PDB file of N, CA and C in Angstrom:
ATOM      1  N   MET A   1      28.899 -19.488  96.610  1.00  0.00           N
ATOM      2  CA  MET A   1      28.460 -19.685  98.010  1.00  0.00           C
ATOM      3  C   MET A   1      28.406 -18.377  98.690  1.00  0.00           C
ATOM      4  N   THR A   2      27.327 -18.163  99.364  1.00  0.00           N
ATOM      5  CA  THR A   2      27.175 -16.980 100.216  1.00  0.00           C
ATOM      6  C   THR A   2      27.422 -17.301 101.804  1.00  0.00           C
ATOM      7  N   THR A   3      27.979 -16.544 102.468  1.00  0.00           N
ATOM      8  CA  THR A   3      28.354 -16.634 103.901  1.00  0.00           C
ATOM      9  C   THR A   3      27.233 -16.086 104.636  1.00  0.00           C
ATOM     10  N   GLN A   4      26.593 -16.826 105.570  1.00  0.00           N
ATOM     11  CA  GLN A   4      25.385 -16.424 106.269  1.00  0.00           C
ATOM     12  C   GLN A   4      25.782 -15.614 107.580  1.00  0.00           C
ATOM     13  N   VAL A   5      25.335 -14.536 107.749  1.00  0.00           N
ATOM     14  CA  VAL A   5      25.500 -13.881 109.048  1.00  0.00           C
ATOM     15  C   VAL A   5      24.674 -14.417 110.293  1.00  0.00           C
ATOM     16  N   PRO A   6      25.299 -14.765 111.264  1.00  0.00           N
ATOM     17  CA  PRO A   6      24.485 -15.335 112.442  1.00  0.00           C
ATOM     18  C   PRO A   6      23.316 -14.345 112.848  1.00  0.00           C
ATOM     19  N   PRO A   7      22.175 -14.939 113.194  1.00  0.00           N
ATOM     20  CA  PRO A   7      20.957 -14.111 113.512  1.00  0.00           C
ATOM     21  C   PRO A   7      21.247 -13.051 114.676  1.00  0.00           C
ATOM     22  N   SER A   8      22.086 -13.500 115.504  1.00  0.00           N
ATOM     23  CA  SER A   8      22.470 -12.527 116.664  1.00  0.00           C
ATOM     24  C   SER A   8      23.075 -11.157 116.103  1.00  0.00           C
ATOM     25  N   ALA A   9      23.722 -11.400 115.148  1.00  0.00           N
ATOM     26  CA  ALA A   9      24.523 -10.120 114.579  1.00  0.00           C
ATOM     27  C   ALA A   9      23.449  -9.068 113.941  1.00  0.00           C
ATOM     28  N   LEU A  10      22.265  -9.582 113.627  1.00  0.00           N
ATOM     29  CA  LEU A  10      21.370  -8.758 112.999  1.00  0.00           C
ATOM     30  C   LEU A  10      20.404  -7.953 114.074  1.00  0.00           C
ATOM     31  N   LEU A  11      20.410  -8.459 115.234  1.00  0.00           N
ATOM     32  CA  LEU A  11      19.467  -7.883 116.297  1.00  0.00           C
ATOM     33  C   LEU A  11      19.994  -6.439 116.781  1.00  0.00           C
ATOM     34  N   PRO A  12      19.106  -5.621 117.119  1.00  0.00           N
ATOM     35  CA  PRO A  12      19.330  -4.215 117.559  1.00  0.00           C
ATOM     36  C   PRO A  12      19.675  -4.165 119.027  1.00  0.00           C
ATOM     37  N   LEU A  13      19.664  -5.331 119.630  1.00  0.00           N
ATOM     38  CA  LEU A  13      20.042  -5.519 121.082  1.00  0.00           C
ATOM     39  C   LEU A  13      21.530  -6.004 121.357  1.00  0.00           C
ATOM     40  N   ASN A  14      22.059  -5.746 122.431  1.00  0.00           N
ATOM     41  CA  ASN A  14      23.278  -6.368 122.822  1.00  0.00           C
ATOM     42  C   ASN A  14      23.155  -7.733 123.531  1.00  0.00           C
ATOM     43  N   PRO A  15      24.102  -8.514 123.674  1.00  0.00           N
ATOM     44  CA  PRO A  15      23.872  -9.732 124.165  1.00  0.00           C
ATOM     45  C   PRO A  15      23.179  -9.679 125.605  1.00  0.00           C
ATOM     46  N   GLU A  16      23.652  -8.727 126.495  1.00  0.00           N
ATOM     47  CA  GLU A  16      23.001  -8.543 127.792  1.00  0.00           C
ATOM     48  C   GLU A  16      21.590  -8.132 127.697  1.00  0.00           C
ATOM     49  N   GLN A  17      21.076  -7.271 126.859  1.00  0.00           N
ATOM     50  CA  GLN A  17      19.937  -6.871 126.630  1.00  0.00           C
ATOM     51  C   GLN A  17      19.021  -7.999 126.196  1.00  0.00           C
ATOM     52  N   LEU A  18      19.490  -8.717 125.309  1.00  0.00           N
ATOM     53  CA  LEU A  18      18.866  -9.820 124.643  1.00  0.00           C
ATOM     54  C   LEU A  18      18.553 -11.002 125.785  1.00  0.00           C
ATOM     55  N   ALA A  19      19.563 -11.271 126.680  1.00  0.00           N
ATOM     56  CA  ALA A  19      19.450 -12.169 127.809  1.00  0.00           C
ATOM     57  C   ALA A  19      18.406 -11.674 128.789  1.00  0.00           C
ATOM     58  N   ARG A  20      18.358 -10.484 128.973  1.00  0.00           N
ATOM     59  CA  ARG A  20      17.243  -9.954 130.055  1.00  0.00           C
ATOM     60  C   ARG A  20      15.928 -10.110 129.603  1.00  0.00           C
ATOM     61  N   LEU A  21      15.681  -9.810 128.194  1.00  0.00           N
ATOM     62  CA  LEU A  21      14.598  -9.885 127.470  1.00  0.00           C
ATOM     63  C   LEU A  21      14.104 -11.214 127.602  1.00  0.00           C
ATOM     64  N   GLN A  22      14.928 -12.281 127.279  1.00  0.00           N
ATOM     65  CA  GLN A  22      14.586 -13.723 127.161  1.00  0.00           C
ATOM     66  C   GLN A  22      14.249 -14.183 128.638  1.00  0.00           C
ATOM     67  N   ALA A  23      14.984 -13.704 129.620  1.00  0.00           N
ATOM     68  CA  ALA A  23      14.779 -14.166 130.937  1.00  0.00           C
ATOM     69  C   ALA A  23      13.286 -13.634 131.410  1.00  0.00           C
ATOM     70  N   ALA A  24      12.958 -12.347 131.020  1.00  0.00           N
ATOM     71  CA  ALA A  24      11.658 -11.747 131.546  1.00  0.00           C
ATOM     72  C   ALA A  24      10.535 -12.325 130.703  1.00  0.00           C
ATOM     73  N   THR A  25      10.623 -12.962 129.676  1.00  0.00           N
ATOM     74  CA  THR A  25       9.629 -13.521 128.910  1.00  0.00           C
ATOM     75  C   THR A  25       9.608 -14.980 128.902  1.00  0.00           C
ATOM     76  N   THR A  26      10.279 -15.783 129.749  1.00  0.00           N
ATOM     77  CA  THR A  26      10.331 -17.132 129.660  1.00  0.00           C
ATOM     78  C   THR A  26       9.161 -17.748 130.075  1.00  0.00           C
ATOM     79  N   ASP A  27       8.426 -17.262 131.121  1.00  0.00           N
ATOM     80  CA  ASP A  27       7.423 -17.997 131.645  1.00  0.00           C
ATOM     81  C   ASP A  27       6.081 -17.365 131.335  1.00  0.00           C
ATOM     82  N   LEU A  28       6.045 -16.492 130.187  1.00  0.00           N
ATOM     83  CA  LEU A  28       4.758 -15.828 129.575  1.00  0.00           C
ATOM     84  C   LEU A  28       4.134 -16.748 128.693  1.00  0.00           C
ATOM     85  N   THR A  29       2.740 -16.541 128.925  1.00  0.00           N
ATOM     86  CA  THR A  29       1.658 -17.456 127.909  1.00  0.00           C
ATOM     87  C   THR A  29       1.706 -16.624 126.481  1.00  0.00           C
ATOM     88  N   PRO A  30       1.248 -17.256 125.614  1.00  0.00           N
ATOM     89  CA  PRO A  30       1.072 -16.477 124.345  1.00  0.00           C
ATOM     90  C   PRO A  30       0.158 -15.216 124.471  1.00  0.00           C
ATOM     91  N   THR A  31      -0.913 -15.360 125.228  1.00  0.00           N
ATOM     92  CA  THR A  31      -1.705 -14.082 125.534  1.00  0.00           C
ATOM     93  C   THR A  31      -0.807 -12.953 126.187  1.00  0.00           C
ATOM     94  N   GLN A  32      -0.098 -13.377 127.190  1.00  0.00           N
ATOM     95  CA  GLN A  32       0.714 -12.390 127.922  1.00  0.00           C
ATOM     96  C   GLN A  32       1.672 -11.901 126.941  1.00  0.00           C
ATOM     97  N   LEU A  33       2.510 -12.694 126.071  1.00  0.00           N
ATOM     98  CA  LEU A  33       3.308 -12.136 125.115  1.00  0.00           C
ATOM     99  C   LEU A  33       2.859 -11.080 124.179  1.00  0.00           C
ATOM    100  N   ALA A  34       1.503 -11.403 123.676  1.00  0.00           N
ATOM    101  CA  ALA A  34       0.746 -10.574 122.807  1.00  0.00           C
ATOM    102  C   ALA A  34       0.549  -9.213 123.483  1.00  0.00           C
ATOM    103  N   TRP A  35       0.377  -9.244 124.779  1.00  0.00           N
ATOM    104  CA  TRP A  35       0.012  -8.012 125.593  1.00  0.00           C
ATOM    105  C   TRP A  35       1.181  -7.304 125.684  1.00  0.00           C
ATOM    106  N   VAL A  36       2.359  -7.964 126.211  1.00  0.00           N
ATOM    107  CA  VAL A  36       3.649  -7.276 126.167  1.00  0.00           C
ATOM    108  C   VAL A  36       4.102  -6.523 124.878  1.00  0.00           C
ATOM    109  N   SER A  37       3.877  -7.192 123.781  1.00  0.00           N
ATOM    110  CA  SER A  37       4.076  -6.658 122.518  1.00  0.00           C
ATOM    111  C   SER A  37       3.223  -5.414 122.210  1.00  0.00           C
ATOM    112  N   GLY A  38       2.139  -5.440 122.434  1.00  0.00           N
ATOM    113  CA  GLY A  38       1.283  -4.424 122.327  1.00  0.00           C
ATOM    114  C   GLY A  38       1.615  -3.121 123.291  1.00  0.00           C
ATOM    115  N   TYR A  39       2.001  -3.421 124.408  1.00  0.00           N
ATOM    116  CA  TYR A  39       2.487  -2.492 125.481  1.00  0.00           C
ATOM    117  C   TYR A  39       3.856  -1.799 124.909  1.00  0.00           C
ATOM    118  N   PHE A  40       4.686  -2.695 124.318  1.00  0.00           N
ATOM    119  CA  PHE A  40       5.876  -1.881 123.797  1.00  0.00           C
ATOM    120  C   PHE A  40       5.547  -1.129 122.659  1.00  0.00           C
ATOM    121  N   TRP A  41       4.565  -1.637 121.774  1.00  0.00           N
ATOM    122  CA  TRP A  41       4.197  -0.765 120.665  1.00  0.00           C
ATOM    123  C   TRP A  41       3.575   0.611 121.141  1.00  0.00           C
ATOM    124  N   GLY A  42       2.889   0.713 122.230  1.00  0.00           N
ATOM    125  CA  GLY A  42       2.327   1.687 122.638  1.00  0.00           C
ATOM    126  C   GLY A  42       3.332   2.706 123.240  1.00  0.00           C
ATOM    127  N   VAL A  43       4.261   2.156 123.925  1.00  0.00           N
ATOM    128  CA  VAL A  43       5.535   2.796 124.527  1.00  0.00           C
ATOM    129  C   VAL A  43       6.167   3.535 123.239  1.00  0.00           C
ATOM    130  N   LEU A  44       6.442   2.918 122.256  1.00  0.00           N
ATOM    131  CA  LEU A  44       7.158   3.489 121.043  1.00  0.00           C
ATOM    132  C   LEU A  44       6.468   4.645 120.539  1.00  0.00           C
ATOM    133  N   ASN A  45       5.025   4.474 120.445  1.00  0.00           N
ATOM    134  CA  ASN A  45       4.282   5.401 119.704  1.00  0.00           C
ATOM    135  C   ASN A  45       4.022   6.717 120.618  1.00  0.00           C
ATOM    136  N   GLN A  46       4.376   6.667 121.930  1.00  0.00           N
ATOM    137  CA  GLN A  46       4.276   7.820 122.726  1.00  0.00           C
ATOM    138  C   GLN A  46       5.564   8.634 122.817  1.00  0.00           C
ATOM    139  N   GLN A  47       6.433   8.189 122.024  1.00  0.00           N
ATOM    140  CA  GLN A  47       7.709   8.908 122.014  1.00  0.00           C
ATOM    141  C   GLN A  47       7.486  10.290 121.282  1.00  0.00           C
ATOM    142  N   PRO A  48       8.393  11.274 121.663  1.00  0.00           N
ATOM    143  CA  PRO A  48       8.203  12.722 120.941  1.00  0.00           C
ATOM    144  C   PRO A  48       8.529  12.368 119.277  1.00  0.00           C
ATOM    145  N   ALA A  49       7.743  13.136 118.557  1.00  0.00           N
ATOM    146  CA  ALA A  49       8.057  12.968 117.163  1.00  0.00           C
ATOM    147  C   ALA A  49       9.525  13.181 116.698  1.00  0.00           C
ATOM    148  N   ALA A  50      10.156  14.048 117.365  1.00  0.00           N
ATOM    149  CA  ALA A  50      11.573  14.261 117.063  1.00  0.00           C
ATOM    150  C   ALA A  50      12.476  12.978 117.214  1.00  0.00           C
ATOM    151  N   LEU A  51      12.121  12.150 118.050  1.00  0.00           N
ATOM    152  CA  LEU A  51      12.795  10.839 118.207  1.00  0.00           C
ATOM    153  C   LEU A  51      12.476   9.852 117.390  1.00  0.00           C
ATOM    154  N   ALA A  52      11.235   9.930 116.770  1.00  0.00           N
ATOM    155  CA  ALA A  52      10.672   8.673 115.990  1.00  0.00           C
ATOM    156  C   ALA A  52      11.368   8.994 114.685  1.00  0.00           C
ATOM    157  N   ALA A  53      11.645   7.788 114.089  1.00  0.00           N
ATOM    158  CA  ALA A  53      12.384   7.756 112.646  1.00  0.00           C
ATOM    159  C   ALA A  53      11.386   8.333 111.754  1.00  0.00           C
ATOM    160  N   THR A  54      11.893   9.168 110.864  1.00  0.00           N
ATOM    161  CA  THR A  54      11.195   9.831 109.932  1.00  0.00           C
ATOM    162  C   THR A  54      11.698   9.216 108.501  1.00  0.00           C
ATOM    163  N   PRO A  55      10.758   8.905 107.600  1.00  0.00           N
ATOM    164  CA  PRO A  55      11.246   8.422 106.265  1.00  0.00           C
ATOM    165  C   PRO A  55      11.819   9.531 105.467  1.00  0.00           C
ATOM    166  N   ALA A  56      12.871   8.985 104.780  1.00  0.00           N
ATOM    167  CA  ALA A  56      13.617   9.922 104.135  1.00  0.00           C
ATOM    168  C   ALA A  56      12.704  10.534 102.773  1.00  0.00           C
ATOM    169  N   PRO A  57      12.796  11.828 102.467  1.00  0.00           N
ATOM    170  CA  PRO A  57      11.938  12.139 101.458  1.00  0.00           C
ATOM    171  C   PRO A  57      12.277  11.551 100.099  1.00  0.00           C
ATOM    172  N   ALA A  58      11.250  11.359  99.355  1.00  0.00           N
ATOM    173  CA  ALA A  58      11.360  10.541  98.102  1.00  0.00           C
ATOM    174  C   ALA A  58      12.024  11.391  97.127  1.00  0.00           C
ATOM    175  N   ALA A  59      13.081  10.910  96.372  1.00  0.00           N
ATOM    176  CA  ALA A  59      13.661  11.412  95.317  1.00  0.00           C
ATOM    177  C   ALA A  59      12.797  11.705  94.277  1.00  0.00           C
ATOM    178  N   GLU A  60      12.868  12.976  93.510  1.00  0.00           N
ATOM    179  CA  GLU A  60      11.945  13.366  92.601  1.00  0.00           C
ATOM    180  C   GLU A  60      12.450  12.483  91.269  1.00  0.00           C
ATOM    181  N   MET A  61      11.406  11.823  90.716  1.00  0.00           N
ATOM    182  CA  MET A  61      11.877  10.928  89.670  1.00  0.00           C
ATOM    183  C   MET A  61      11.670  11.714  88.345  1.00  0.00           C
ATOM    184  N   PRO A  62      12.471  11.453  87.382  1.00  0.00           N
ATOM    185  CA  PRO A  62      12.237  12.245  86.187  1.00  0.00           C
ATOM    186  C   PRO A  62      11.079  11.656  85.301  1.00  0.00           C
ATOM    187  N   GLY A  63      10.495  12.556  84.601  1.00  0.00           N
ATOM    188  CA  GLY A  63       9.348  12.150  83.884  1.00  0.00           C
ATOM    189  C   GLY A  63       9.759  11.252  82.589  1.00  0.00           C
ATOM    190  N   ILE A  64       8.833  10.341  82.385  1.00  0.00           N
ATOM    191  CA  ILE A  64       9.210   9.438  81.169  1.00  0.00           C
ATOM    192  C   ILE A  64       8.028   9.647  80.015  1.00  0.00           C
ATOM    193  N   THR A  65       8.429   9.445  78.771  1.00  0.00           N
ATOM    194  CA  THR A  65       7.650   9.635  77.748  1.00  0.00           C
ATOM    195  C   THR A  65       7.513   8.220  77.058  1.00  0.00           C
ATOM    196  N   ILE A  66       6.287   7.657  76.766  1.00  0.00           N
ATOM    197  CA  ILE A  66       6.077   6.440  76.102  1.00  0.00           C
ATOM    198  C   ILE A  66       5.481   6.659  74.698  1.00  0.00           C
ATOM    199  N   ILE A  67       6.211   6.134  73.725  1.00  0.00           N
ATOM    200  CA  ILE A  67       5.926   6.387  72.378  1.00  0.00           C
ATOM    201  C   ILE A  67       5.425   4.877  71.949  1.00  0.00           C
ATOM    202  N   SER A  68       4.276   4.814  71.183  1.00  0.00           N
ATOM    203  CA  SER A  68       3.703   3.629  70.759  1.00  0.00           C
ATOM    204  C   SER A  68       3.309   3.679  69.292  1.00  0.00           C
ATOM    205  N   ALA A  69       3.536   2.728  68.603  1.00  0.00           N
ATOM    206  CA  ALA A  69       3.218   2.744  67.181  1.00  0.00           C
ATOM    207  C   ALA A  69       2.755   1.384  66.662  1.00  0.00           C
ATOM    208  N   SER A  70       2.004   1.324  65.573  1.00  0.00           N
ATOM    209  CA  SER A  70       1.846  -0.002  65.085  1.00  0.00           C
ATOM    210  C   SER A  70       2.288  -0.123  63.608  1.00  0.00           C
ATOM    211  N   GLN A  71       2.274  -1.278  63.209  1.00  0.00           N
ATOM    212  CA  GLN A  71       2.761  -1.422  61.727  1.00  0.00           C
ATOM    213  C   GLN A  71       1.764  -0.954  60.803  1.00  0.00           C
ATOM    214  N   THR A  72       0.502  -1.017  61.037  1.00  0.00           N
ATOM    215  CA  THR A  72      -0.459  -0.606  59.936  1.00  0.00           C
ATOM    216  C   THR A  72      -0.974   0.881  60.360  1.00  0.00           C
ATOM    217  N   GLY A  73      -0.731   1.235  61.624  1.00  0.00           N
ATOM    218  CA  GLY A  73      -1.125   2.472  61.841  1.00  0.00           C
ATOM    219  C   GLY A  73      -2.691   2.716  62.473  1.00  0.00           C
ATOM    220  N   ASN A  74      -3.231   1.525  62.576  1.00  0.00           N
ATOM    221  CA  ASN A  74      -4.710   1.401  63.178  1.00  0.00           C
ATOM    222  C   ASN A  74      -4.690   1.106  64.525  1.00  0.00           C
ATOM    223  N   ALA A  75      -3.725   0.750  65.183  1.00  0.00           N
ATOM    224  CA  ALA A  75      -3.835   0.172  66.656  1.00  0.00           C
ATOM    225  C   ALA A  75      -3.587   1.378  67.481  1.00  0.00           C
TER     226      ALA A  75
END
C-alpha cells in the first residue's frame, strides 16, 4: 500500500496565503477567474530573467551504435 500525501502539503502556498487566495476568489465568476489567471501569468512573465526559473542544461548523452543483421544476409 502507498501512503497518500494530503493535497495541501503539495501546494507552494502556506495555509495563510491559501486562505487569502480562496477568500479573494470566492465570489468571482468563471470569466473573472480566467482573467485573474491571465493577469497572474502576465505578472509572472514580467519578472526579470534572473528570477525566472531556468531549466537545467541537458546532460550530454553518450552515442549509441545499432548493429543489425539477418539470417540470410539479404535484409
